[in-house]
N, C-alpha and C. Protein backbone atom coordinates (compact mmCIF):
# COMPACT_ATOMS: atom_id res chain seq x y z
N MET A 1 0.83 -1.19 0.00
CA MET A 1 0.00 0.00 0.00
C MET A 1 0.88 1.25 0.00
N THR A 2 0.55 2.19 -0.85
CA THR A 2 1.28 3.46 -0.90
C THR A 2 0.50 4.50 -0.11
N LEU A 3 1.14 5.63 0.18
CA LEU A 3 0.46 6.72 0.86
C LEU A 3 -0.81 7.13 0.12
N SER A 4 -0.73 7.11 -1.21
CA SER A 4 -1.87 7.54 -2.04
C SER A 4 -3.08 6.63 -1.91
N ASP A 5 -2.87 5.39 -1.49
CA ASP A 5 -3.97 4.42 -1.36
C ASP A 5 -4.73 4.53 -0.04
N ILE A 6 -4.19 5.23 0.92
CA ILE A 6 -4.78 5.27 2.26
C ILE A 6 -6.02 6.17 2.25
N PRO A 7 -7.18 5.62 2.63
CA PRO A 7 -8.39 6.44 2.64
C PRO A 7 -8.32 7.53 3.70
N LEU A 8 -8.73 8.72 3.31
CA LEU A 8 -8.78 9.88 4.20
C LEU A 8 -10.17 10.49 4.10
N ARG A 9 -10.45 11.43 4.98
CA ARG A 9 -11.70 12.20 4.91
C ARG A 9 -11.38 13.67 5.09
N THR A 10 -12.09 14.49 4.34
CA THR A 10 -11.94 15.94 4.48
C THR A 10 -12.57 16.36 5.80
N LEU A 11 -12.34 17.60 6.19
CA LEU A 11 -12.92 18.12 7.42
C LEU A 11 -14.43 18.06 7.38
N THR A 12 -15.01 18.13 6.19
CA THR A 12 -16.48 18.05 6.05
C THR A 12 -16.98 16.62 5.89
N GLY A 13 -16.06 15.63 5.99
CA GLY A 13 -16.46 14.23 5.97
C GLY A 13 -16.48 13.56 4.61
N GLU A 14 -16.05 14.27 3.58
CA GLU A 14 -16.02 13.69 2.24
C GLU A 14 -14.81 12.76 2.09
N PRO A 15 -14.97 11.63 1.39
CA PRO A 15 -13.82 10.75 1.16
C PRO A 15 -12.79 11.43 0.24
N THR A 16 -11.54 11.19 0.56
CA THR A 16 -10.43 11.70 -0.25
C THR A 16 -9.24 10.79 -0.01
N SER A 17 -8.14 11.09 -0.65
CA SER A 17 -6.87 10.40 -0.41
C SER A 17 -5.77 11.28 -0.99
N LEU A 18 -4.55 10.91 -0.73
CA LEU A 18 -3.43 11.66 -1.33
C LEU A 18 -3.38 11.47 -2.84
N ALA A 19 -4.06 10.45 -3.36
CA ALA A 19 -4.14 10.27 -4.81
C ALA A 19 -4.79 11.49 -5.47
N ASP A 20 -5.66 12.18 -4.73
CA ASP A 20 -6.29 13.39 -5.25
C ASP A 20 -5.28 14.51 -5.47
N TYR A 21 -4.10 14.37 -4.90
CA TYR A 21 -3.05 15.39 -5.01
C TYR A 21 -1.87 14.91 -5.86
N GLN A 22 -2.06 13.77 -6.53
CA GLN A 22 -1.00 13.23 -7.40
C GLN A 22 -0.58 14.30 -8.40
N GLY A 23 0.70 14.45 -8.58
CA GLY A 23 1.22 15.47 -9.49
C GLY A 23 1.43 16.82 -8.83
N LYS A 24 1.10 16.92 -7.55
CA LYS A 24 1.33 18.14 -6.79
C LYS A 24 2.34 17.86 -5.69
N ALA A 25 3.06 18.89 -5.31
CA ALA A 25 3.87 18.83 -4.10
C ALA A 25 2.94 19.18 -2.94
N VAL A 26 3.03 18.43 -1.84
CA VAL A 26 2.13 18.61 -0.70
C VAL A 26 2.95 18.80 0.57
N LEU A 27 2.57 19.80 1.35
CA LEU A 27 3.13 19.96 2.69
C LEU A 27 2.01 19.57 3.65
N LEU A 28 2.10 18.36 4.21
CA LEU A 28 1.10 17.82 5.11
C LEU A 28 1.50 18.18 6.54
N VAL A 29 0.59 18.83 7.28
CA VAL A 29 0.92 19.38 8.59
C VAL A 29 -0.19 19.03 9.58
N ASN A 30 0.17 18.46 10.74
CA ASN A 30 -0.85 18.29 11.78
C ASN A 30 -0.97 19.63 12.51
N VAL A 31 -2.21 20.13 12.57
CA VAL A 31 -2.46 21.49 13.04
C VAL A 31 -3.34 21.50 14.27
N ALA A 32 -3.33 22.63 15.00
CA ALA A 32 -4.16 22.82 16.18
C ALA A 32 -4.44 24.30 16.36
N SER A 33 -5.62 24.61 16.86
CA SER A 33 -6.08 25.99 16.98
C SER A 33 -5.67 26.69 18.27
N LYS A 34 -5.26 25.94 19.28
CA LYS A 34 -4.98 26.54 20.58
C LYS A 34 -3.57 26.22 21.06
N CYS A 35 -2.62 26.28 20.14
CA CYS A 35 -1.23 25.91 20.40
C CYS A 35 -0.34 27.15 20.30
N GLY A 36 0.75 27.16 21.00
CA GLY A 36 1.70 28.25 20.86
C GLY A 36 2.24 28.37 19.44
N LEU A 37 2.15 27.29 18.67
CA LEU A 37 2.64 27.31 17.28
C LEU A 37 1.52 27.63 16.28
N THR A 38 0.30 27.84 16.77
CA THR A 38 -0.83 28.12 15.88
C THR A 38 -0.57 29.27 14.91
N PRO A 39 0.18 30.31 15.27
CA PRO A 39 0.46 31.36 14.28
C PRO A 39 1.16 30.85 13.01
N GLN A 40 1.66 29.62 13.02
CA GLN A 40 2.23 29.05 11.80
C GLN A 40 1.19 28.94 10.69
N TYR A 41 -0.10 28.96 11.05
CA TYR A 41 -1.15 28.96 10.03
C TYR A 41 -0.92 30.10 9.02
N ALA A 42 -0.48 31.25 9.51
CA ALA A 42 -0.27 32.40 8.62
C ALA A 42 0.79 32.09 7.58
N GLY A 43 1.91 31.52 8.00
CA GLY A 43 2.97 31.15 7.06
C GLY A 43 2.54 30.04 6.12
N LEU A 44 1.77 29.09 6.62
CA LEU A 44 1.27 28.01 5.77
C LEU A 44 0.36 28.59 4.68
N GLU A 45 -0.49 29.54 5.05
CA GLU A 45 -1.38 30.14 4.07
C GLU A 45 -0.59 30.96 3.04
N ARG A 46 0.46 31.64 3.48
CA ARG A 46 1.30 32.39 2.52
C ARG A 46 1.97 31.43 1.54
N LEU A 47 2.44 30.27 2.01
CA LEU A 47 3.00 29.27 1.10
C LEU A 47 1.93 28.82 0.11
N GLN A 48 0.72 28.56 0.61
CA GLN A 48 -0.37 28.13 -0.25
C GLN A 48 -0.61 29.16 -1.36
N LYS A 49 -0.71 30.41 -0.97
CA LYS A 49 -0.99 31.47 -1.95
C LYS A 49 0.18 31.65 -2.94
N SER A 50 1.40 31.50 -2.45
CA SER A 50 2.58 31.72 -3.29
C SER A 50 2.79 30.62 -4.33
N TYR A 51 2.47 29.38 -3.96
CA TYR A 51 2.87 28.26 -4.81
C TYR A 51 1.72 27.41 -5.36
N ALA A 52 0.49 27.70 -5.00
CA ALA A 52 -0.65 26.87 -5.44
C ALA A 52 -0.73 26.77 -6.96
N GLU A 53 -0.51 27.87 -7.65
CA GLU A 53 -0.64 27.85 -9.11
C GLU A 53 0.49 27.07 -9.78
N GLN A 54 1.54 26.75 -9.01
CA GLN A 54 2.65 25.98 -9.55
C GLN A 54 2.52 24.49 -9.25
N GLY A 55 1.40 24.09 -8.64
CA GLY A 55 1.21 22.67 -8.35
C GLY A 55 1.59 22.28 -6.94
N PHE A 56 1.27 23.13 -5.97
CA PHE A 56 1.60 22.90 -4.56
C PHE A 56 0.35 23.08 -3.72
N THR A 57 0.24 22.32 -2.65
CA THR A 57 -0.79 22.58 -1.66
C THR A 57 -0.30 22.23 -0.27
N VAL A 58 -0.77 23.01 0.68
CA VAL A 58 -0.67 22.65 2.09
C VAL A 58 -1.89 21.78 2.36
N LEU A 59 -1.75 20.78 3.20
CA LEU A 59 -2.85 19.93 3.60
C LEU A 59 -2.81 19.84 5.13
N GLY A 60 -3.80 20.47 5.78
CA GLY A 60 -3.83 20.50 7.23
C GLY A 60 -4.57 19.32 7.82
N VAL A 61 -4.02 18.78 8.90
CA VAL A 61 -4.61 17.62 9.57
C VAL A 61 -4.81 17.98 11.05
N PRO A 62 -5.99 18.45 11.41
CA PRO A 62 -6.23 18.78 12.81
C PRO A 62 -6.00 17.57 13.72
N CYS A 63 -5.41 17.85 14.88
CA CYS A 63 -5.09 16.78 15.84
C CYS A 63 -5.26 17.33 17.25
N ASN A 64 -5.93 16.56 18.10
CA ASN A 64 -6.18 16.98 19.48
C ASN A 64 -5.36 16.17 20.48
N GLN A 65 -4.28 15.55 20.04
CA GLN A 65 -3.50 14.67 20.92
C GLN A 65 -2.45 15.38 21.76
N PHE A 66 -2.19 16.63 21.50
CA PHE A 66 -1.13 17.34 22.21
C PHE A 66 -1.76 18.39 23.12
N ALA A 67 -1.90 18.03 24.39
CA ALA A 67 -2.45 18.92 25.42
C ALA A 67 -3.86 19.42 25.07
N GLY A 68 -4.62 18.64 24.30
CA GLY A 68 -5.99 19.00 23.97
C GLY A 68 -6.12 20.33 23.25
N GLN A 69 -5.16 20.62 22.36
CA GLN A 69 -5.10 21.94 21.74
C GLN A 69 -5.93 22.07 20.45
N GLU A 70 -6.69 21.04 20.11
CA GLU A 70 -7.63 21.13 18.99
C GLU A 70 -8.95 20.49 19.42
N PRO A 71 -9.65 21.12 20.39
CA PRO A 71 -10.86 20.51 20.94
C PRO A 71 -12.11 20.70 20.10
N GLY A 72 -12.08 21.58 19.14
CA GLY A 72 -13.29 21.98 18.43
C GLY A 72 -13.86 20.93 17.50
N SER A 73 -15.11 21.19 17.11
CA SER A 73 -15.78 20.39 16.09
C SER A 73 -15.22 20.76 14.72
N ALA A 74 -15.59 20.01 13.70
CA ALA A 74 -15.16 20.33 12.34
C ALA A 74 -15.57 21.75 11.97
N GLU A 75 -16.80 22.13 12.30
CA GLU A 75 -17.29 23.47 11.98
C GLU A 75 -16.49 24.53 12.71
N GLU A 76 -16.18 24.29 13.98
CA GLU A 76 -15.40 25.26 14.77
C GLU A 76 -13.99 25.40 14.22
N ILE A 77 -13.39 24.29 13.82
CA ILE A 77 -12.03 24.33 13.26
C ILE A 77 -12.05 25.12 11.96
N GLN A 78 -12.99 24.82 11.07
CA GLN A 78 -13.07 25.53 9.79
C GLN A 78 -13.29 27.02 10.01
N SER A 79 -14.18 27.36 10.90
CA SER A 79 -14.49 28.76 11.18
C SER A 79 -13.26 29.48 11.73
N PHE A 80 -12.58 28.86 12.69
CA PHE A 80 -11.38 29.47 13.27
C PHE A 80 -10.32 29.70 12.20
N CYS A 81 -10.06 28.69 11.39
CA CYS A 81 -9.01 28.79 10.37
C CYS A 81 -9.32 29.87 9.34
N SER A 82 -10.58 29.93 8.92
CA SER A 82 -10.98 30.91 7.92
C SER A 82 -10.97 32.33 8.49
N ALA A 83 -11.59 32.50 9.65
CA ALA A 83 -11.75 33.83 10.22
C ALA A 83 -10.44 34.39 10.77
N THR A 84 -9.62 33.54 11.37
CA THR A 84 -8.41 34.03 12.04
C THR A 84 -7.23 34.14 11.09
N TYR A 85 -7.09 33.16 10.18
CA TYR A 85 -5.90 33.12 9.33
C TYR A 85 -6.21 33.14 7.84
N GLY A 86 -7.47 33.21 7.47
CA GLY A 86 -7.83 33.24 6.06
C GLY A 86 -7.42 31.98 5.31
N VAL A 87 -7.43 30.85 6.00
CA VAL A 87 -6.96 29.59 5.42
C VAL A 87 -7.82 29.19 4.22
N THR A 88 -7.15 28.93 3.11
CA THR A 88 -7.81 28.44 1.90
C THR A 88 -7.37 27.02 1.55
N PHE A 89 -6.31 26.53 2.18
CA PHE A 89 -5.85 25.18 1.86
C PHE A 89 -6.78 24.14 2.49
N PRO A 90 -6.80 22.93 1.92
CA PRO A 90 -7.70 21.89 2.42
C PRO A 90 -7.31 21.40 3.81
N LEU A 91 -8.33 21.02 4.55
CA LEU A 91 -8.16 20.44 5.88
C LEU A 91 -8.81 19.07 5.90
N LEU A 92 -8.16 18.13 6.56
CA LEU A 92 -8.72 16.79 6.74
C LEU A 92 -9.45 16.73 8.07
N GLU A 93 -10.16 15.60 8.30
CA GLU A 93 -10.84 15.44 9.58
C GLU A 93 -9.82 15.32 10.70
N LYS A 94 -10.28 15.58 11.92
CA LYS A 94 -9.42 15.48 13.09
C LYS A 94 -8.89 14.05 13.17
N THR A 95 -7.60 13.90 13.40
CA THR A 95 -6.91 12.63 13.24
C THR A 95 -5.93 12.39 14.38
N ASP A 96 -5.83 11.14 14.83
CA ASP A 96 -4.77 10.75 15.77
C ASP A 96 -3.50 10.48 14.98
N VAL A 97 -2.41 11.10 15.39
CA VAL A 97 -1.13 10.93 14.70
C VAL A 97 -0.17 10.01 15.45
N ASN A 98 -0.46 9.73 16.70
CA ASN A 98 0.36 8.85 17.54
C ASN A 98 -0.55 7.88 18.29
N GLY A 99 0.04 6.86 18.88
CA GLY A 99 -0.67 5.98 19.79
C GLY A 99 -1.45 4.87 19.11
N ALA A 100 -2.23 4.18 19.92
CA ALA A 100 -2.96 2.99 19.49
C ALA A 100 -3.96 3.29 18.38
N GLU A 101 -4.51 4.49 18.36
CA GLU A 101 -5.51 4.87 17.35
C GLU A 101 -4.89 5.69 16.21
N ARG A 102 -3.56 5.62 16.09
CA ARG A 102 -2.86 6.37 15.03
C ARG A 102 -3.47 6.02 13.67
N HIS A 103 -3.76 7.06 12.89
CA HIS A 103 -4.32 6.87 11.56
C HIS A 103 -3.31 6.13 10.69
N PRO A 104 -3.75 5.26 9.78
CA PRO A 104 -2.82 4.54 8.90
C PRO A 104 -1.88 5.46 8.11
N LEU A 105 -2.33 6.66 7.76
CA LEU A 105 -1.45 7.60 7.08
C LEU A 105 -0.25 7.93 7.96
N TYR A 106 -0.50 8.20 9.22
CA TYR A 106 0.59 8.54 10.13
C TYR A 106 1.40 7.32 10.54
N ALA A 107 0.81 6.13 10.46
CA ALA A 107 1.58 4.90 10.70
C ALA A 107 2.71 4.82 9.67
N GLU A 108 2.41 5.25 8.45
CA GLU A 108 3.44 5.26 7.39
C GLU A 108 4.37 6.47 7.52
N LEU A 109 3.80 7.65 7.71
CA LEU A 109 4.61 8.86 7.77
C LEU A 109 5.64 8.82 8.90
N THR A 110 5.27 8.26 10.04
CA THR A 110 6.19 8.29 11.19
C THR A 110 7.36 7.31 11.02
N LYS A 111 7.35 6.52 9.96
CA LYS A 111 8.51 5.69 9.64
C LYS A 111 9.64 6.52 9.01
N VAL A 112 9.28 7.72 8.53
CA VAL A 112 10.24 8.59 7.85
C VAL A 112 11.07 9.34 8.88
N ALA A 113 12.38 9.38 8.67
CA ALA A 113 13.28 10.08 9.58
C ALA A 113 13.37 11.56 9.22
N ASP A 114 13.64 12.37 10.24
CA ASP A 114 13.87 13.80 10.03
C ASP A 114 15.32 14.02 9.62
N ALA A 115 15.75 15.27 9.55
CA ALA A 115 17.11 15.61 9.10
C ALA A 115 18.18 15.03 10.03
N GLU A 116 17.83 14.80 11.30
CA GLU A 116 18.79 14.23 12.25
C GLU A 116 18.76 12.70 12.27
N GLY A 117 17.93 12.11 11.40
CA GLY A 117 17.85 10.66 11.32
C GLY A 117 16.87 10.02 12.28
N GLU A 118 16.03 10.84 12.92
CA GLU A 118 15.06 10.32 13.89
C GLU A 118 13.70 10.10 13.25
N ALA A 119 13.19 8.89 13.35
CA ALA A 119 11.83 8.57 12.94
C ALA A 119 11.00 8.46 14.21
N GLY A 120 9.80 7.90 14.09
CA GLY A 120 8.98 7.68 15.27
C GLY A 120 7.88 8.70 15.42
N ASP A 121 7.31 8.75 16.63
CA ASP A 121 6.14 9.57 16.89
C ASP A 121 6.30 11.03 16.46
N VAL A 122 5.18 11.61 16.08
CA VAL A 122 5.10 13.05 15.84
C VAL A 122 5.37 13.73 17.18
N GLN A 123 6.24 14.75 17.17
CA GLN A 123 6.64 15.39 18.42
C GLN A 123 5.59 16.33 19.01
N TRP A 124 4.89 17.07 18.14
CA TRP A 124 3.93 18.08 18.62
C TRP A 124 3.13 18.56 17.43
N ASN A 125 2.24 19.50 17.68
CA ASN A 125 1.48 20.13 16.60
C ASN A 125 2.43 20.81 15.62
N PHE A 126 2.02 20.88 14.37
CA PHE A 126 2.74 21.56 13.30
C PHE A 126 4.01 20.83 12.85
N GLU A 127 4.05 19.51 13.03
CA GLU A 127 5.09 18.71 12.38
C GLU A 127 4.70 18.59 10.92
N LYS A 128 5.69 18.70 10.04
CA LYS A 128 5.42 18.79 8.61
C LYS A 128 6.08 17.64 7.84
N PHE A 129 5.37 17.17 6.82
CA PHE A 129 5.90 16.16 5.90
C PHE A 129 5.78 16.72 4.50
N LEU A 130 6.89 16.84 3.81
CA LEU A 130 6.90 17.33 2.44
C LEU A 130 6.83 16.13 1.51
N ILE A 131 5.80 16.10 0.68
CA ILE A 131 5.54 14.96 -0.21
C ILE A 131 5.69 15.43 -1.65
N GLY A 132 6.47 14.68 -2.43
CA GLY A 132 6.72 15.03 -3.81
C GLY A 132 5.54 14.73 -4.71
N LYS A 133 5.66 15.19 -5.95
CA LYS A 133 4.60 15.00 -6.95
C LYS A 133 4.29 13.52 -7.19
N ASP A 134 5.27 12.67 -6.89
CA ASP A 134 5.10 11.23 -7.08
C ASP A 134 4.49 10.53 -5.86
N GLY A 135 4.15 11.31 -4.83
CA GLY A 135 3.53 10.74 -3.64
C GLY A 135 4.50 10.21 -2.61
N GLN A 136 5.81 10.42 -2.83
CA GLN A 136 6.83 9.95 -1.89
C GLN A 136 7.22 11.06 -0.92
N VAL A 137 7.45 10.70 0.34
CA VAL A 137 7.87 11.68 1.34
C VAL A 137 9.31 12.10 1.05
N VAL A 138 9.51 13.39 0.92
CA VAL A 138 10.83 13.95 0.60
C VAL A 138 11.54 14.41 1.87
N ALA A 139 10.76 14.94 2.84
CA ALA A 139 11.38 15.47 4.06
C ALA A 139 10.36 15.46 5.19
N ARG A 140 10.90 15.31 6.39
CA ARG A 140 10.12 15.43 7.61
C ARG A 140 10.69 16.62 8.37
N ILE A 141 9.83 17.57 8.70
CA ILE A 141 10.27 18.81 9.31
C ILE A 141 9.59 18.94 10.67
N ARG A 142 10.38 19.11 11.69
CA ARG A 142 9.85 19.14 13.05
C ARG A 142 9.05 20.43 13.32
N PRO A 143 8.22 20.41 14.37
CA PRO A 143 7.23 21.46 14.60
C PRO A 143 7.75 22.90 14.69
N ARG A 144 8.88 23.11 15.32
CA ARG A 144 9.33 24.48 15.54
C ARG A 144 9.89 25.15 14.28
N THR A 145 10.10 24.38 13.23
CA THR A 145 10.55 24.97 11.96
C THR A 145 9.37 25.72 11.34
N GLU A 146 9.55 27.00 11.13
CA GLU A 146 8.50 27.84 10.55
C GLU A 146 8.23 27.44 9.11
N PRO A 147 6.99 27.58 8.66
CA PRO A 147 6.66 27.22 7.27
C PRO A 147 7.51 27.94 6.23
N GLU A 148 7.90 29.18 6.51
CA GLU A 148 8.66 29.95 5.53
C GLU A 148 10.17 29.91 5.80
N ASP A 149 10.61 28.92 6.55
CA ASP A 149 12.03 28.70 6.77
C ASP A 149 12.71 28.57 5.40
N PRO A 150 13.83 29.25 5.18
CA PRO A 150 14.46 29.24 3.85
C PRO A 150 14.76 27.83 3.32
N ALA A 151 15.17 26.91 4.17
CA ALA A 151 15.47 25.55 3.70
C ALA A 151 14.20 24.84 3.24
N LEU A 152 13.10 25.06 3.93
CA LEU A 152 11.83 24.44 3.54
C LEU A 152 11.32 25.06 2.23
N VAL A 153 11.39 26.37 2.12
CA VAL A 153 10.96 27.03 0.89
C VAL A 153 11.80 26.55 -0.29
N LYS A 154 13.10 26.41 -0.08
CA LYS A 154 13.99 25.92 -1.14
C LYS A 154 13.58 24.50 -1.56
N ALA A 155 13.28 23.65 -0.59
CA ALA A 155 12.87 22.27 -0.89
C ALA A 155 11.56 22.26 -1.69
N ILE A 156 10.62 23.11 -1.32
CA ILE A 156 9.36 23.21 -2.06
C ILE A 156 9.62 23.66 -3.49
N GLU A 157 10.43 24.70 -3.65
CA GLU A 157 10.74 25.23 -4.98
C GLU A 157 11.45 24.20 -5.85
N GLU A 158 12.34 23.41 -5.25
CA GLU A 158 13.03 22.36 -6.00
C GLU A 158 12.04 21.29 -6.47
N LEU A 159 11.09 20.93 -5.62
CA LEU A 159 10.07 19.93 -6.02
C LEU A 159 9.24 20.46 -7.18
N LEU A 160 8.89 21.73 -7.10
CA LEU A 160 8.04 22.32 -8.15
C LEU A 160 8.78 22.48 -9.46
N ALA A 161 10.10 22.64 -9.39
CA ALA A 161 10.90 22.81 -10.61
C ALA A 161 11.20 21.46 -11.28
N ALA A 162 11.08 20.37 -10.52
CA ALA A 162 11.42 19.05 -11.06
C ALA A 162 10.40 18.54 -12.04
């Protein structure tokens, strides 16, 4: 099974999968509305606006596993993201990224090592996975790395140029 085969659901409950993004570069991020890192939504939206026409999308995955920082319903999450940060990128349903109920997508993603060679559990909200146009994970970026970090922007631009 590839990442593209794993069934997902949008925040509104519609079936989807990463196959819907085949041919695009994707920055998949577990997000939360009440986290110290929540302002990263602004940078994620700027990336979306800057690169969407070149075949890029941010894909947000709300998660309530880190100190209960995403307690809202799907409607509350959508409203918060739209009203507070003007989010236009797609959001998936609230998902467990670690533990016994870890979503199959994250069961695969957490096998990928970060730049220091560490794989395993997602550390916190706003951990990022950069996925190439072919559906393969290119990089794992830990939560404190800002979306517009020069190294991340360079990696996105290289994927889009390939």
